[in-house]
Protein backbone atom coordinates (compact mmCIF):
# COMPACT_ATOMS: atom_id res chain seq x y z
CA ASN A 1 0.00 -0.07 -0.03
CA PRO A 2 1.90 3.16 -1.14
CA GLU A 3 0.21 5.41 1.53
CA LYS A 4 1.87 3.52 4.18
CA ILE A 5 5.43 3.72 2.82
CA SER A 6 8.11 6.04 4.13
CA GLU A 7 11.75 6.54 3.96
CA ALA A 8 14.60 7.57 6.15
CA ASN A 9 18.28 8.50 6.11
CA VAL A 10 20.29 6.37 8.82
CA TYR A 11 23.92 7.32 9.17
CA ILE A 12 26.23 4.71 11.15
CA GLN A 13 29.20 5.90 12.63
CA VAL A 14 31.95 2.77 13.54
CA LEU A 15 33.88 3.66 16.45
CA ASP A 16 35.91 0.40 16.93
CA ILE A 17 37.95 0.24 14.14
CA ASN A 18 41.54 -1.09 14.41
CA ASP A 19 41.95 1.38 17.27
CA HIS A 20 45.44 -0.40 18.03
CA ALA A 21 47.87 -1.27 15.13
CA PRO A 22 49.56 -4.80 15.38
CA GLU A 23 52.88 -4.46 17.27
CA LEU A 24 55.76 -6.38 18.50
CA PRO A 25 55.35 -7.39 22.16
CA LYS A 26 58.88 -6.64 23.00
CA TYR A 27 62.06 -5.11 21.90
CA TYR A 28 64.11 -7.64 19.51
CA GLU A 29 67.75 -6.93 19.01
CA THR A 30 69.25 -10.04 16.76
CA PHE A 31 72.98 -10.83 16.51
CA VAL A 32 74.25 -12.94 13.58
CA CYS A 33 77.41 -14.87 14.40
CA GLU A 34 79.88 -15.09 11.63
CA ASN A 35 80.16 -18.98 11.72
CA ALA A 36 76.25 -19.17 11.24
CA VAL A 37 75.38 -21.63 8.34
CA SER A 38 72.85 -21.37 5.84
CA GLY A 39 69.13 -22.22 6.89
CA GLN A 40 69.97 -21.52 10.47
CA LEU A 41 67.59 -20.31 12.66
CA ILE A 42 68.69 -16.70 13.72
CA GLN A 43 65.42 -15.03 15.32
CA SER A 44 61.78 -15.73 16.22
CA ILE A 45 59.33 -12.72 16.15
CA SER A 46 55.69 -12.82 17.14
CA ALA A 47 53.28 -9.60 17.12
CA VAL A 48 50.08 -8.72 19.05
CA ASP A 49 46.98 -6.71 18.11
CA GLN A 50 45.14 -5.29 21.12
CA ASP A 51 41.81 -5.19 18.93
CA ASP A 52 41.70 -8.91 18.69
CA SER A 53 41.71 -12.12 21.33
CA ALA A 54 44.93 -13.87 21.59
CA GLU A 55 43.55 -16.78 19.93
CA GLY A 56 42.59 -14.72 16.66
CA HIS A 57 46.11 -13.41 16.23
CA HIS A 58 47.92 -14.74 13.03
CA PHE A 59 50.25 -12.41 11.25
CA TYR A 60 52.24 -12.63 8.20
CA PHE A 61 55.89 -11.32 7.83
CA SER A 62 57.54 -10.66 4.73
CA LEU A 63 61.01 -8.88 3.55
CA ALA A 64 60.58 -5.76 1.80
CA PRO A 65 60.08 -6.14 -1.97
CA GLU A 66 63.09 -4.42 -3.25
CA THR A 67 65.22 -6.95 -0.82
CA THR A 68 63.56 -10.26 -1.74
CA ASN A 69 65.69 -10.91 -4.82
CA ASN A 70 69.01 -9.74 -3.36
CA SER A 71 68.66 -10.57 0.21
CA ARG A 72 70.76 -13.35 2.18
CA PHE A 73 67.66 -13.82 4.69
CA THR A 74 64.48 -15.40 4.31
CA VAL A 75 61.16 -15.28 6.59
CA LYS A 76 59.57 -18.39 7.05
CA ASP A 77 55.91 -18.85 8.29
CA ASN A 78 56.06 -21.35 11.25
CA GLN A 79 52.09 -21.58 11.47
CA GLY A 80 52.34 -20.12 15.20
C-alpha cells in the first residue's frame, strides 16, 4: 500500500575500527654470528593486536619487496 511507505536516512558511525595497530610485544635485538650456517634459525618474532583475542592472532611477516631478490635472509611462517 503506497500510502503506508516512508523513507528515512540512517547514518552509522563506526567507533571501533582497529584502534590499535599490530605491534611487537617486546624489543628484539638480533645478532648473527660470523659462523652461522645457511638455513640456520636466527630469530623468531611474534606480534600482538590489542583489538583481537590472542587466539585470533595470526600475522604474516615478509621481507621488503626491494630486498627479496637480493637478500641473504629469508622469512618463514612457522604457523604459530
